Amino acid sequence: MEDRIKAIRKRINVIQSELRKTGDMRPGNLSRQYQRPKEKKNPYYQVSYTHKMKSRTDYVRKKSIENVKNEIENYKHAKALFEEWVDLGIELSKLKMKKISQA
């Protein structure tokens, strides 16, 4: 049990370190739309996301597409790390309670 607790704490430290390195981020999905979809003419890009229980859509200029893609990837990576941290925190809490009850 002690080894698992140490391993969890070590992984949490790694996650915290990775989160500190995370660059700019934003939620959403980037998609290409067309003003005339049947002919696939006049493409434009938009990012759609939900934040604070509100759904939103922002238009993205072509020169900003790569930047927005990177921000979305950073967000997804940070979210996955945070979810892992929460899972590990729950497991750690259960192990500590078990350890206390066995003492």
N, C-alpha and C. Protein backbone atom coordinates (compact mmCIF):
# COMPACT_ATOMS: atom_id res chain seq x y z
N MET A 1 0.82 -1.18 0.00
CA MET A 1 0.00 0.00 0.00
C MET A 1 0.88 1.27 0.00
N GLU A 2 1.94 1.27 0.79
CA GLU A 2 2.84 2.43 0.85
C GLU A 2 3.47 2.70 -0.52
N ASP A 3 3.84 1.63 -1.22
CA ASP A 3 4.45 1.80 -2.54
C ASP A 3 3.47 2.46 -3.51
N ARG A 4 2.21 2.06 -3.44
CA ARG A 4 1.19 2.64 -4.33
C ARG A 4 0.97 4.11 -3.98
N ILE A 5 0.93 4.44 -2.71
CA ILE A 5 0.77 5.83 -2.28
C ILE A 5 1.92 6.68 -2.80
N LYS A 6 3.15 6.18 -2.69
CA LYS A 6 4.31 6.91 -3.20
C LYS A 6 4.23 7.09 -4.72
N ALA A 7 3.80 6.03 -5.41
CA ALA A 7 3.69 6.10 -6.87
C ALA A 7 2.63 7.12 -7.29
N ILE A 8 1.53 7.16 -6.56
CA ILE A 8 0.46 8.12 -6.88
C ILE A 8 0.97 9.54 -6.66
N ARG A 9 1.63 9.78 -5.54
CA ARG A 9 2.14 11.13 -5.26
C ARG A 9 3.18 11.55 -6.30
N LYS A 10 4.00 10.61 -6.72
CA LYS A 10 5.01 10.91 -7.74
C LYS A 10 4.33 11.30 -9.06
N ARG A 11 3.31 10.55 -9.46
CA ARG A 11 2.60 10.83 -10.70
C ARG A 11 1.88 12.18 -10.61
N ILE A 12 1.28 12.48 -9.46
CA ILE A 12 0.61 13.77 -9.27
C ILE A 12 1.61 14.90 -9.42
N ASN A 13 2.82 14.73 -8.89
CA ASN A 13 3.86 15.76 -9.06
C ASN A 13 4.22 15.97 -10.52
N VAL A 14 4.30 14.87 -11.27
CA VAL A 14 4.59 14.97 -12.71
C VAL A 14 3.47 15.70 -13.43
N ILE A 15 2.23 15.36 -13.09
CA ILE A 15 1.07 16.01 -13.71
C ILE A 15 1.09 17.51 -13.42
N GLN A 16 1.35 17.89 -12.18
CA GLN A 16 1.40 19.30 -11.81
C GLN A 16 2.49 20.02 -12.60
N SER A 17 3.62 19.37 -12.76
CA SER A 17 4.71 19.96 -13.53
C SER A 17 4.31 20.16 -14.99
N GLU A 18 3.66 19.16 -15.57
CA GLU A 18 3.21 19.26 -16.97
C GLU A 18 2.17 20.37 -17.13
N LEU A 19 1.28 20.50 -16.16
CA LEU A 19 0.26 21.54 -16.24
C LEU A 19 0.88 22.93 -16.19
N ARG A 20 1.94 23.08 -15.41
CA ARG A 20 2.62 24.38 -15.34
C ARG A 20 3.24 24.77 -16.68
N LYS A 21 3.58 23.79 -17.49
CA LYS A 21 4.21 24.04 -18.79
C LYS A 21 3.19 24.29 -19.90
N THR A 22 1.92 24.05 -19.61
CA THR A 22 0.88 24.18 -20.63
C THR A 22 0.80 25.62 -21.11
N GLY A 23 0.76 25.78 -22.41
CA GLY A 23 0.67 27.12 -22.99
C GLY A 23 -0.77 27.63 -23.02
N ASP A 24 -0.99 28.60 -23.87
CA ASP A 24 -2.33 29.17 -24.02
C ASP A 24 -3.30 28.07 -24.44
N MET A 25 -4.54 28.21 -23.95
CA MET A 25 -5.51 27.18 -24.29
C MET A 25 -6.90 27.77 -24.40
N ARG A 26 -7.73 27.00 -25.08
CA ARG A 26 -9.15 27.34 -25.19
C ARG A 26 -9.90 26.06 -25.53
N PRO A 27 -11.14 25.94 -25.07
CA PRO A 27 -11.94 24.77 -25.42
C PRO A 27 -12.51 24.94 -26.82
N GLY A 28 -12.97 23.87 -27.39
CA GLY A 28 -13.70 23.97 -28.64
C GLY A 28 -13.29 22.99 -29.70
N ASN A 29 -14.03 23.08 -30.78
CA ASN A 29 -13.76 22.29 -31.98
C ASN A 29 -13.70 23.26 -33.15
N LEU A 30 -12.66 23.13 -33.94
CA LEU A 30 -12.48 23.98 -35.10
C LEU A 30 -13.05 23.28 -36.32
N SER A 31 -13.85 23.99 -37.08
CA SER A 31 -14.42 23.37 -38.28
C SER A 31 -14.44 24.36 -39.44
N ARG A 32 -14.43 23.79 -40.64
CA ARG A 32 -14.52 24.61 -41.85
C ARG A 32 -15.98 24.56 -42.31
N GLN A 33 -16.52 25.71 -42.57
CA GLN A 33 -17.89 25.83 -43.06
C GLN A 33 -17.84 26.52 -44.42
N TYR A 34 -18.96 26.50 -45.11
CA TYR A 34 -19.02 27.15 -46.43
C TYR A 34 -20.22 28.07 -46.50
N GLN A 35 -20.02 29.24 -47.14
CA GLN A 35 -21.13 30.15 -47.33
C GLN A 35 -22.15 29.54 -48.30
N ARG A 36 -21.62 28.76 -49.26
CA ARG A 36 -22.50 28.03 -50.19
C ARG A 36 -22.11 26.56 -50.11
N PRO A 37 -22.67 25.82 -49.15
CA PRO A 37 -22.24 24.45 -48.88
C PRO A 37 -22.42 23.47 -50.05
N LYS A 38 -23.47 23.63 -50.82
CA LYS A 38 -23.70 22.69 -51.92
C LYS A 38 -22.58 22.73 -52.94
N GLU A 39 -22.05 23.92 -53.17
CA GLU A 39 -20.95 24.07 -54.14
C GLU A 39 -19.59 24.09 -53.45
N LYS A 40 -19.58 24.04 -52.13
CA LYS A 40 -18.35 24.13 -51.34
C LYS A 40 -17.54 25.37 -51.75
N LYS A 41 -18.23 26.50 -51.76
CA LYS A 41 -17.61 27.77 -52.14
C LYS A 41 -17.53 28.69 -50.93
N ASN A 42 -16.51 29.52 -50.93
CA ASN A 42 -16.30 30.52 -49.89
C ASN A 42 -16.17 29.89 -48.50
N PRO A 43 -15.10 29.14 -48.28
CA PRO A 43 -14.92 28.52 -46.96
C PRO A 43 -14.56 29.55 -45.89
N TYR A 44 -14.96 29.24 -44.68
CA TYR A 44 -14.55 30.03 -43.51
C TYR A 44 -14.42 29.05 -42.34
N TYR A 45 -13.76 29.48 -41.30
CA TYR A 45 -13.51 28.62 -40.15
C TYR A 45 -14.19 29.19 -38.91
N GLN A 46 -14.64 28.29 -38.07
CA GLN A 46 -15.22 28.70 -36.81
C GLN A 46 -14.86 27.71 -35.72
N VAL A 47 -14.81 28.21 -34.49
CA VAL A 47 -14.56 27.35 -33.34
C VAL A 47 -15.84 27.41 -32.48
N SER A 48 -16.34 26.23 -32.15
CA SER A 48 -17.55 26.12 -31.33
C SER A 48 -17.17 25.51 -30.00
N TYR A 49 -17.74 26.04 -28.92
CA TYR A 49 -17.42 25.54 -27.60
C TYR A 49 -18.52 25.91 -26.62
N THR A 50 -18.49 25.26 -25.46
CA THR A 50 -19.39 25.58 -24.38
C THR A 50 -18.54 25.99 -23.19
N HIS A 51 -18.88 27.13 -22.61
CA HIS A 51 -18.15 27.65 -21.45
C HIS A 51 -19.16 28.28 -20.51
N LYS A 52 -19.09 27.89 -19.24
CA LYS A 52 -20.03 28.38 -18.22
C LYS A 52 -21.47 28.16 -18.66
N MET A 53 -21.70 26.96 -19.15
CA MET A 53 -23.04 26.51 -19.54
C MET A 53 -23.63 27.28 -20.73
N LYS A 54 -22.80 27.98 -21.48
CA LYS A 54 -23.27 28.70 -22.66
C LYS A 54 -22.51 28.20 -23.88
N SER A 55 -23.25 27.92 -24.91
CA SER A 55 -22.67 27.48 -26.17
C SER A 55 -22.32 28.72 -26.99
N ARG A 56 -21.14 28.68 -27.58
CA ARG A 56 -20.67 29.84 -28.34
C ARG A 56 -19.98 29.39 -29.63
N THR A 57 -19.94 30.31 -30.56
CA THR A 57 -19.21 30.09 -31.82
C THR A 57 -18.46 31.36 -32.15
N ASP A 58 -17.17 31.21 -32.44
CA ASP A 58 -16.34 32.34 -32.85
C ASP A 58 -15.79 32.07 -34.24
N TYR A 59 -15.72 33.11 -35.04
CA TYR A 59 -15.12 32.98 -36.36
C TYR A 59 -13.61 33.10 -36.23
N VAL A 60 -12.89 32.37 -37.07
CA VAL A 60 -11.43 32.34 -37.00
C VAL A 60 -10.87 32.70 -38.37
N ARG A 61 -10.00 33.69 -38.40
CA ARG A 61 -9.34 34.07 -39.66
C ARG A 61 -8.30 33.01 -40.03
N LYS A 62 -8.06 32.87 -41.31
CA LYS A 62 -7.13 31.85 -41.79
C LYS A 62 -5.76 31.95 -41.12
N LYS A 63 -5.27 33.16 -40.92
CA LYS A 63 -3.94 33.31 -40.34
C LYS A 63 -3.89 32.90 -38.87
N SER A 64 -5.05 32.72 -38.23
CA SER A 64 -5.09 32.32 -36.82
C SER A 64 -5.40 30.84 -36.62
N ILE A 65 -5.62 30.11 -37.69
CA ILE A 65 -6.06 28.71 -37.59
C ILE A 65 -5.06 27.86 -36.81
N GLU A 66 -3.78 27.93 -37.15
CA GLU A 66 -2.78 27.09 -36.47
C GLU A 66 -2.69 27.42 -34.98
N ASN A 67 -2.76 28.70 -34.66
CA ASN A 67 -2.71 29.13 -33.27
C ASN A 67 -3.91 28.56 -32.50
N VAL A 68 -5.09 28.66 -33.07
CA VAL A 68 -6.30 28.15 -32.42
C VAL A 68 -6.23 26.62 -32.28
N LYS A 69 -5.72 25.94 -33.30
CA LYS A 69 -5.56 24.48 -33.21
C LYS A 69 -4.65 24.12 -32.02
N ASN A 70 -3.55 24.84 -31.87
CA ASN A 70 -2.63 24.58 -30.76
C ASN A 70 -3.30 24.84 -29.41
N GLU A 71 -4.06 25.92 -29.32
CA GLU A 71 -4.76 26.24 -28.07
C GLU A 71 -5.77 25.15 -27.71
N ILE A 72 -6.47 24.64 -28.70
CA ILE A 72 -7.45 23.57 -28.47
C ILE A 72 -6.74 22.30 -28.01
N GLU A 73 -5.62 21.97 -28.65
CA GLU A 73 -4.86 20.78 -28.24
C GLU A 73 -4.32 20.93 -26.81
N ASN A 74 -3.82 22.11 -26.48
CA ASN A 74 -3.35 22.37 -25.12
C ASN A 74 -4.48 22.18 -24.11
N TYR A 75 -5.66 22.65 -24.45
CA TYR A 75 -6.81 22.52 -23.56
C TYR A 75 -7.15 21.04 -23.35
N LYS A 76 -7.20 20.29 -24.43
CA LYS A 76 -7.53 18.86 -24.33
C LYS A 76 -6.49 18.12 -23.49
N HIS A 77 -5.23 18.46 -23.68
CA HIS A 77 -4.15 17.83 -22.92
C HIS A 77 -4.27 18.18 -21.43
N ALA A 78 -4.49 19.45 -21.13
CA ALA A 78 -4.63 19.88 -19.74
C ALA A 78 -5.84 19.25 -19.08
N LYS A 79 -6.92 19.14 -19.82
CA LYS A 79 -8.14 18.53 -19.27
C LYS A 79 -7.91 17.06 -18.94
N ALA A 80 -7.22 16.35 -19.84
CA ALA A 80 -6.92 14.93 -19.60
C ALA A 80 -6.01 14.78 -18.38
N LEU A 81 -5.01 15.65 -18.26
CA LEU A 81 -4.12 15.59 -17.10
C LEU A 81 -4.89 15.87 -15.81
N PHE A 82 -5.76 16.85 -15.85
CA PHE A 82 -6.52 17.19 -14.65
C PHE A 82 -7.45 16.04 -14.25
N GLU A 83 -8.08 15.40 -15.23
CA GLU A 83 -8.94 14.25 -14.94
C GLU A 83 -8.14 13.11 -14.32
N GLU A 84 -6.93 12.89 -14.84
CA GLU A 84 -6.07 11.85 -14.26
C GLU A 84 -5.71 12.21 -12.82
N TRP A 85 -5.41 13.48 -12.59
CA TRP A 85 -5.06 13.96 -11.25
C TRP A 85 -6.23 13.70 -10.28
N VAL A 86 -7.44 14.00 -10.71
CA VAL A 86 -8.61 13.76 -9.86
C VAL A 86 -8.77 12.27 -9.57
N ASP A 87 -8.63 11.43 -10.59
CA ASP A 87 -8.72 9.98 -10.39
C ASP A 87 -7.68 9.50 -9.37
N LEU A 88 -6.46 9.99 -9.53
CA LEU A 88 -5.40 9.61 -8.59
C LEU A 88 -5.68 10.14 -7.19
N GLY A 89 -6.22 11.33 -7.10
CA GLY A 89 -6.56 11.91 -5.81
C GLY A 89 -7.61 11.08 -5.08
N ILE A 90 -8.60 10.60 -5.82
CA ILE A 90 -9.63 9.74 -5.23
C ILE A 90 -9.01 8.45 -4.72
N GLU A 91 -8.17 7.84 -5.58
CA GLU A 91 -7.52 6.59 -5.17
C GLU A 91 -6.64 6.81 -3.95
N LEU A 92 -5.89 7.91 -3.93
CA LEU A 92 -5.01 8.23 -2.81
C LEU A 92 -5.83 8.41 -1.52
N SER A 93 -6.91 9.11 -1.61
CA SER A 93 -7.77 9.33 -0.45
C SER A 93 -8.28 8.01 0.11
N LYS A 94 -8.73 7.12 -0.77
CA LYS A 94 -9.23 5.81 -0.33
C LYS A 94 -8.13 5.00 0.33
N LEU A 95 -6.93 5.04 -0.25
CA LEU A 95 -5.82 4.29 0.35
C LEU A 95 -5.46 4.84 1.72
N LYS A 96 -5.46 6.16 1.86
CA LYS A 96 -5.13 6.76 3.17
C LYS A 96 -6.19 6.40 4.20
N MET A 97 -7.47 6.41 3.81
CA MET A 97 -8.54 6.03 4.75
C MET A 97 -8.40 4.57 5.17
N LYS A 98 -8.06 3.72 4.19
CA LYS A 98 -7.87 2.29 4.48
C LYS A 98 -6.69 2.10 5.44
N LYS A 99 -5.63 2.85 5.19
CA LYS A 99 -4.43 2.74 6.04
C LYS A 99 -4.77 3.17 7.47
N ILE A 100 -5.53 4.25 7.63
CA ILE A 100 -5.91 4.73 8.95
C ILE A 100 -6.79 3.71 9.66
N SER A 101 -7.73 3.11 8.92
CA SER A 101 -8.64 2.16 9.56
C SER A 101 -7.93 0.87 9.96
N GLN A 102 -6.82 0.55 9.31
CA GLN A 102 -6.06 -0.65 9.66
C GLN A 102 -5.12 -0.42 10.84
N ALA A 103 -4.88 0.83 11.16
CA ALA A 103 -3.92 1.14 12.25
C ALA A 103 -4.54 0.91 13.62
